[in-house]
Amino acid sequence: MRLESWQNAQNQPAAIASTICGKPKLYSEVPWFWSDQYEFNIQSVGAPQHTDTIVARGDPTTGRFSCFNLANDALVGATGFNTPGDVRWARKMIAANAQPDIRALADPTIKLKFP
């Protein structure tokens, strides 16, 4: 997969170099990027090409909200607007191939916890 982010540009070659030097290293990082656009910090994590459910969390009119992408009940992607904590949590969940509670995911009054 082609990923144009500093994280991928830095970490993927390091894994390749390690393998070339006889210390095989699997590159399995969860894709992530961020951008600041005016008053918005936008972060996206995962690879949600095959999404069957999207869960919204928060209120877009406040400028603080997240959207979570699920496939077969597993979290595969998330995009957050001024919600870096949601994205950090999602990154851990995606790496673990975890299945979040959709009701809790949609309710911003419930703190997201990694199992």
N, C-alpha and C. Protein backbone atom coordinates (compact mmCIF):
# COMPACT_ATOMS: atom_id res chain seq x y z
N MET A 1 0.84 -1.16 0.00
CA MET A 1 0.00 0.00 0.00
C MET A 1 0.90 1.24 0.00
N ARG A 2 0.58 2.19 -0.81
CA ARG A 2 1.35 3.43 -0.87
C ARG A 2 0.81 4.39 0.19
N LEU A 3 1.70 4.77 1.10
CA LEU A 3 1.33 5.70 2.17
C LEU A 3 2.28 6.88 2.13
N GLU A 4 1.76 8.05 1.91
CA GLU A 4 2.60 9.23 1.82
C GLU A 4 2.51 10.03 3.12
N SER A 5 3.25 9.56 4.11
CA SER A 5 3.31 10.26 5.39
C SER A 5 4.73 10.13 5.92
N TRP A 6 5.12 11.05 6.78
CA TRP A 6 6.49 11.00 7.34
C TRP A 6 6.71 9.70 8.11
N GLN A 7 5.67 9.23 8.80
CA GLN A 7 5.81 8.02 9.61
C GLN A 7 6.20 6.84 8.73
N ASN A 8 5.51 6.67 7.63
CA ASN A 8 5.81 5.56 6.73
C ASN A 8 7.17 5.76 6.07
N ALA A 9 7.48 6.98 5.65
CA ALA A 9 8.76 7.26 5.00
C ALA A 9 9.94 7.00 5.93
N GLN A 10 9.75 7.17 7.21
CA GLN A 10 10.81 6.92 8.18
C GLN A 10 10.89 5.46 8.60
N ASN A 11 9.77 4.85 8.91
CA ASN A 11 9.78 3.54 9.56
C ASN A 11 9.84 2.34 8.60
N GLN A 12 9.25 2.47 7.42
CA GLN A 12 9.28 1.35 6.48
C GLN A 12 10.71 1.08 5.99
N PRO A 13 11.49 2.10 5.59
CA PRO A 13 12.88 1.82 5.19
C PRO A 13 13.72 1.24 6.33
N ALA A 14 13.45 1.63 7.57
CA ALA A 14 14.19 1.07 8.70
C ALA A 14 13.93 -0.43 8.82
N ALA A 15 12.70 -0.85 8.60
CA ALA A 15 12.37 -2.28 8.64
C ALA A 15 13.05 -3.02 7.50
N ILE A 16 13.09 -2.41 6.33
CA ILE A 16 13.74 -3.04 5.18
C ILE A 16 15.24 -3.16 5.42
N ALA A 17 15.86 -2.11 5.94
CA ALA A 17 17.30 -2.13 6.21
C ALA A 17 17.64 -3.21 7.24
N SER A 18 16.81 -3.35 8.25
CA SER A 18 17.03 -4.36 9.27
C SER A 18 16.98 -5.76 8.65
N THR A 19 16.04 -5.96 7.75
CA THR A 19 15.91 -7.26 7.08
C THR A 19 17.13 -7.52 6.19
N ILE A 20 17.57 -6.51 5.46
CA ILE A 20 18.74 -6.66 4.59
C ILE A 20 19.98 -7.02 5.42
N CYS A 21 20.05 -6.48 6.64
CA CYS A 21 21.21 -6.73 7.51
C CYS A 21 21.10 -8.05 8.28
N GLY A 22 20.10 -8.87 7.95
CA GLY A 22 19.99 -10.19 8.56
C GLY A 22 19.15 -10.24 9.82
N LYS A 23 18.49 -9.15 10.16
CA LYS A 23 17.62 -9.12 11.34
C LYS A 23 16.20 -8.81 10.85
N PRO A 24 15.51 -9.83 10.31
CA PRO A 24 14.18 -9.59 9.74
C PRO A 24 13.23 -8.87 10.71
N LYS A 25 12.59 -7.86 10.19
CA LYS A 25 11.66 -7.06 10.99
C LYS A 25 10.39 -6.87 10.18
N LEU A 26 9.29 -7.34 10.71
CA LEU A 26 8.00 -7.19 10.04
C LEU A 26 7.52 -5.75 10.18
N TYR A 27 7.16 -5.14 9.08
CA TYR A 27 6.61 -3.78 9.13
C TYR A 27 5.10 -3.90 9.24
N SER A 28 4.56 -3.56 10.38
CA SER A 28 3.13 -3.75 10.60
C SER A 28 2.49 -2.55 11.30
N GLU A 29 3.02 -1.37 11.06
CA GLU A 29 2.47 -0.19 11.72
C GLU A 29 1.11 0.17 11.13
N VAL A 30 0.26 0.69 11.98
CA VAL A 30 -1.06 1.16 11.55
C VAL A 30 -0.87 2.52 10.89
N PRO A 31 -1.34 2.69 9.65
CA PRO A 31 -1.19 3.97 8.97
C PRO A 31 -1.84 5.11 9.78
N TRP A 32 -1.15 6.26 9.79
CA TRP A 32 -1.65 7.41 10.54
C TRP A 32 -1.13 8.69 9.90
N PHE A 33 -1.96 9.71 9.84
CA PHE A 33 -1.48 11.02 9.41
C PHE A 33 -2.29 12.09 10.12
N TRP A 34 -1.75 13.29 10.10
CA TRP A 34 -2.46 14.42 10.70
C TRP A 34 -2.18 15.68 9.89
N SER A 35 -3.06 16.64 10.05
CA SER A 35 -2.88 17.94 9.42
C SER A 35 -3.63 18.98 10.24
N ASP A 36 -3.05 20.15 10.34
CA ASP A 36 -3.75 21.28 10.96
C ASP A 36 -4.29 22.16 9.84
N GLN A 37 -5.59 22.35 9.84
CA GLN A 37 -6.27 23.18 8.85
C GLN A 37 -7.09 24.22 9.59
N TYR A 38 -6.58 25.45 9.61
CA TYR A 38 -7.21 26.54 10.35
C TYR A 38 -7.39 26.11 11.80
N GLU A 39 -8.61 26.09 12.30
CA GLU A 39 -8.82 25.74 13.72
C GLU A 39 -8.99 24.24 13.94
N PHE A 40 -8.79 23.45 12.91
CA PHE A 40 -8.99 22.01 13.02
C PHE A 40 -7.68 21.24 13.02
N ASN A 41 -7.55 20.32 13.97
CA ASN A 41 -6.51 19.32 13.94
C ASN A 41 -7.20 18.06 13.44
N ILE A 42 -6.83 17.61 12.26
CA ILE A 42 -7.47 16.46 11.64
C ILE A 42 -6.48 15.30 11.68
N GLN A 43 -6.92 14.17 12.22
CA GLN A 43 -6.08 12.97 12.26
C GLN A 43 -6.87 11.80 11.70
N SER A 44 -6.17 10.97 10.96
CA SER A 44 -6.80 9.77 10.40
C SER A 44 -5.87 8.59 10.65
N VAL A 45 -6.47 7.47 10.96
CA VAL A 45 -5.71 6.26 11.28
C VAL A 45 -6.39 5.06 10.64
N GLY A 46 -5.56 4.08 10.26
CA GLY A 46 -6.10 2.85 9.69
C GLY A 46 -6.18 2.89 8.18
N ALA A 47 -6.83 1.89 7.65
CA ALA A 47 -7.01 1.73 6.21
C ALA A 47 -8.44 1.28 5.95
N PRO A 48 -9.37 2.22 5.96
CA PRO A 48 -10.80 1.85 5.90
C PRO A 48 -11.36 1.65 4.49
N GLN A 49 -10.64 0.97 3.62
CA GLN A 49 -11.16 0.77 2.27
C GLN A 49 -12.42 -0.10 2.26
N HIS A 50 -12.49 -1.07 3.13
CA HIS A 50 -13.62 -2.01 3.14
C HIS A 50 -14.41 -1.81 4.43
N THR A 51 -15.22 -0.78 4.44
CA THR A 51 -16.00 -0.43 5.62
C THR A 51 -17.45 -0.82 5.41
N ASP A 52 -18.05 -1.47 6.40
CA ASP A 52 -19.48 -1.75 6.30
C ASP A 52 -20.30 -0.96 7.31
N THR A 53 -19.65 -0.34 8.29
CA THR A 53 -20.35 0.47 9.29
C THR A 53 -19.52 1.70 9.62
N ILE A 54 -20.18 2.85 9.70
CA ILE A 54 -19.53 4.08 10.15
C ILE A 54 -20.27 4.57 11.39
N VAL A 55 -19.52 4.83 12.44
CA VAL A 55 -20.10 5.31 13.70
C VAL A 55 -19.57 6.70 13.97
N ALA A 56 -20.48 7.65 14.17
CA ALA A 56 -20.10 9.03 14.49
C ALA A 56 -20.12 9.22 16.00
N ARG A 57 -19.17 10.02 16.47
CA ARG A 57 -19.06 10.31 17.91
C ARG A 57 -18.86 11.82 18.04
N GLY A 58 -19.72 12.46 18.80
CA GLY A 58 -19.61 13.90 18.99
C GLY A 58 -20.51 14.67 18.05
N ASP A 59 -20.38 15.97 18.08
CA ASP A 59 -21.24 16.86 17.31
C ASP A 59 -20.39 17.71 16.37
N PRO A 60 -20.52 17.50 15.06
CA PRO A 60 -19.71 18.26 14.11
C PRO A 60 -19.86 19.79 14.24
N THR A 61 -21.00 20.25 14.72
CA THR A 61 -21.19 21.70 14.84
C THR A 61 -20.30 22.31 15.92
N THR A 62 -19.75 21.49 16.82
CA THR A 62 -18.85 21.99 17.86
C THR A 62 -17.40 22.00 17.41
N GLY A 63 -17.11 21.34 16.28
CA GLY A 63 -15.74 21.24 15.80
C GLY A 63 -14.95 20.13 16.45
N ARG A 64 -15.59 19.33 17.32
CA ARG A 64 -14.93 18.19 17.99
C ARG A 64 -15.78 16.94 17.75
N PHE A 65 -15.31 16.10 16.84
CA PHE A 65 -16.05 14.87 16.57
C PHE A 65 -15.13 13.86 15.89
N SER A 66 -15.57 12.62 15.89
CA SER A 66 -14.82 11.53 15.26
C SER A 66 -15.77 10.64 14.48
N CYS A 67 -15.23 10.00 13.47
CA CYS A 67 -15.95 8.98 12.73
C CYS A 67 -15.11 7.72 12.74
N PHE A 68 -15.75 6.61 13.05
CA PHE A 68 -15.06 5.32 13.15
C PHE A 68 -15.57 4.39 12.06
N ASN A 69 -14.65 3.70 11.40
CA ASN A 69 -14.97 2.78 10.33
C ASN A 69 -14.79 1.36 10.82
N LEU A 70 -15.83 0.54 10.63
CA LEU A 70 -15.76 -0.86 11.05
C LEU A 70 -16.02 -1.77 9.85
N ALA A 71 -15.39 -2.93 9.88
CA ALA A 71 -15.63 -3.97 8.88
C ALA A 71 -15.75 -5.28 9.65
N ASN A 72 -16.88 -5.95 9.48
CA ASN A 72 -17.14 -7.19 10.22
C ASN A 72 -16.96 -6.99 11.72
N ASP A 73 -17.44 -5.88 12.22
CA ASP A 73 -17.42 -5.51 13.65
C ASP A 73 -16.05 -5.12 14.18
N ALA A 74 -14.99 -5.21 13.38
CA ALA A 74 -13.65 -4.81 13.82
C ALA A 74 -13.39 -3.37 13.38
N LEU A 75 -12.71 -2.61 14.22
CA LEU A 75 -12.35 -1.24 13.88
C LEU A 75 -11.22 -1.27 12.86
N VAL A 76 -11.42 -0.60 11.71
CA VAL A 76 -10.39 -0.59 10.66
C VAL A 76 -9.90 0.82 10.33
N GLY A 77 -10.61 1.84 10.82
CA GLY A 77 -10.19 3.21 10.54
C GLY A 77 -10.93 4.20 11.41
N ALA A 78 -10.34 5.39 11.52
CA ALA A 78 -10.98 6.46 12.28
C ALA A 78 -10.44 7.80 11.79
N THR A 79 -11.29 8.80 11.83
CA THR A 79 -10.88 10.17 11.53
C THR A 79 -11.41 11.05 12.63
N GLY A 80 -10.53 11.87 13.19
CA GLY A 80 -10.93 12.74 14.28
C GLY A 80 -10.67 14.21 13.95
N PHE A 81 -11.59 15.04 14.34
CA PHE A 81 -11.46 16.48 14.21
C PHE A 81 -11.36 17.05 15.61
N ASN A 82 -10.16 17.49 15.99
CA ASN A 82 -9.89 18.02 17.33
C ASN A 82 -10.17 16.99 18.42
N THR A 83 -9.96 15.71 18.11
CA THR A 83 -10.15 14.62 19.08
C THR A 83 -8.96 13.67 19.04
N PRO A 84 -7.77 14.14 19.39
CA PRO A 84 -6.59 13.28 19.31
C PRO A 84 -6.66 12.04 20.20
N GLY A 85 -7.35 12.13 21.33
CA GLY A 85 -7.49 10.97 22.21
C GLY A 85 -8.26 9.85 21.55
N ASP A 86 -9.30 10.20 20.81
CA ASP A 86 -10.08 9.18 20.09
C ASP A 86 -9.19 8.46 19.07
N VAL A 87 -8.35 9.22 18.38
CA VAL A 87 -7.50 8.64 17.34
C VAL A 87 -6.41 7.75 17.96
N ARG A 88 -5.82 8.19 19.07
CA ARG A 88 -4.82 7.34 19.76
C ARG A 88 -5.45 6.02 20.18
N TRP A 89 -6.66 6.09 20.74
CA TRP A 89 -7.38 4.89 21.16
C TRP A 89 -7.65 3.99 19.95
N ALA A 90 -8.11 4.59 18.86
CA ALA A 90 -8.44 3.82 17.66
C ALA A 90 -7.21 3.13 17.10
N ARG A 91 -6.08 3.79 17.15
CA ARG A 91 -4.85 3.20 16.64
C ARG A 91 -4.50 1.92 17.39
N LYS A 92 -4.64 1.93 18.70
CA LYS A 92 -4.39 0.72 19.50
C LYS A 92 -5.40 -0.37 19.17
N MET A 93 -6.65 0.02 19.03
CA MET A 93 -7.70 -0.96 18.73
C MET A 93 -7.48 -1.61 17.36
N ILE A 94 -7.10 -0.80 16.37
CA ILE A 94 -6.86 -1.33 15.03
C ILE A 94 -5.69 -2.31 15.05
N ALA A 95 -4.62 -1.93 15.73
CA ALA A 95 -3.44 -2.80 15.81
C ALA A 95 -3.79 -4.15 16.45
N ALA A 96 -4.74 -4.14 17.38
CA ALA A 96 -5.14 -5.37 18.07
C ALA A 96 -6.28 -6.09 17.36
N ASN A 97 -6.74 -5.55 16.23
CA ASN A 97 -7.89 -6.12 15.50
C ASN A 97 -9.09 -6.29 16.43
N ALA A 98 -9.32 -5.28 17.26
CA ALA A 98 -10.34 -5.35 18.30
C ALA A 98 -11.72 -4.95 17.77
N GLN A 99 -12.72 -5.45 18.46
CA GLN A 99 -14.11 -5.14 18.13
C GLN A 99 -14.71 -4.29 19.26
N PRO A 100 -14.87 -2.99 19.02
CA PRO A 100 -15.39 -2.12 20.06
C PRO A 100 -16.90 -2.27 20.24
N ASP A 101 -17.37 -1.83 21.40
CA ASP A 101 -18.80 -1.76 21.67
C ASP A 101 -19.34 -0.55 20.91
N ILE A 102 -20.17 -0.79 19.91
CA ILE A 102 -20.63 0.29 19.05
C ILE A 102 -21.45 1.33 19.82
N ARG A 103 -22.24 0.90 20.79
CA ARG A 103 -23.02 1.86 21.59
C ARG A 103 -22.09 2.80 22.35
N ALA A 104 -21.04 2.27 22.94
CA ALA A 104 -20.08 3.10 23.67
C ALA A 104 -19.30 3.99 22.71
N LEU A 105 -19.00 3.47 21.54
CA LEU A 105 -18.26 4.22 20.54
C LEU A 105 -19.03 5.47 20.11
N ALA A 106 -20.34 5.36 20.01
CA ALA A 106 -21.16 6.48 19.56
C ALA A 106 -21.48 7.48 20.66
N ASP A 107 -21.23 7.13 21.90
CA ASP A 107 -21.61 7.99 23.03
C ASP A 107 -20.39 8.74 23.57
N PRO A 108 -20.29 10.04 23.31
CA PRO A 108 -19.11 10.80 23.76
C PRO A 108 -19.01 10.96 25.27
N THR A 109 -20.04 10.59 26.01
CA THR A 109 -19.97 10.67 27.47
C THR A 109 -19.27 9.44 28.06
N ILE A 110 -19.07 8.41 27.24
CA ILE A 110 -18.39 7.20 27.68
C ILE A 110 -16.93 7.28 27.26
N LYS A 111 -16.02 7.16 28.22
CA LYS A 111 -14.58 7.21 27.92
C LYS A 111 -14.17 5.95 27.18
N LEU A 112 -13.44 6.15 26.08
CA LEU A 112 -12.96 5.02 25.30
C LEU A 112 -11.77 4.40 26.02
N LYS A 113 -11.84 3.09 26.25
CA LYS A 113 -10.77 2.39 26.97
C LYS A 113 -10.29 1.23 26.13
N PHE A 114 -8.98 1.06 26.13
CA PHE A 114 -8.39 -0.08 25.43
C PHE A 114 -8.49 -1.30 26.34
N PRO A 115 -8.98 -2.43 25.80
CA PRO A 115 -9.17 -3.61 26.66
C PRO A 115 -7.91 -4.10 27.33
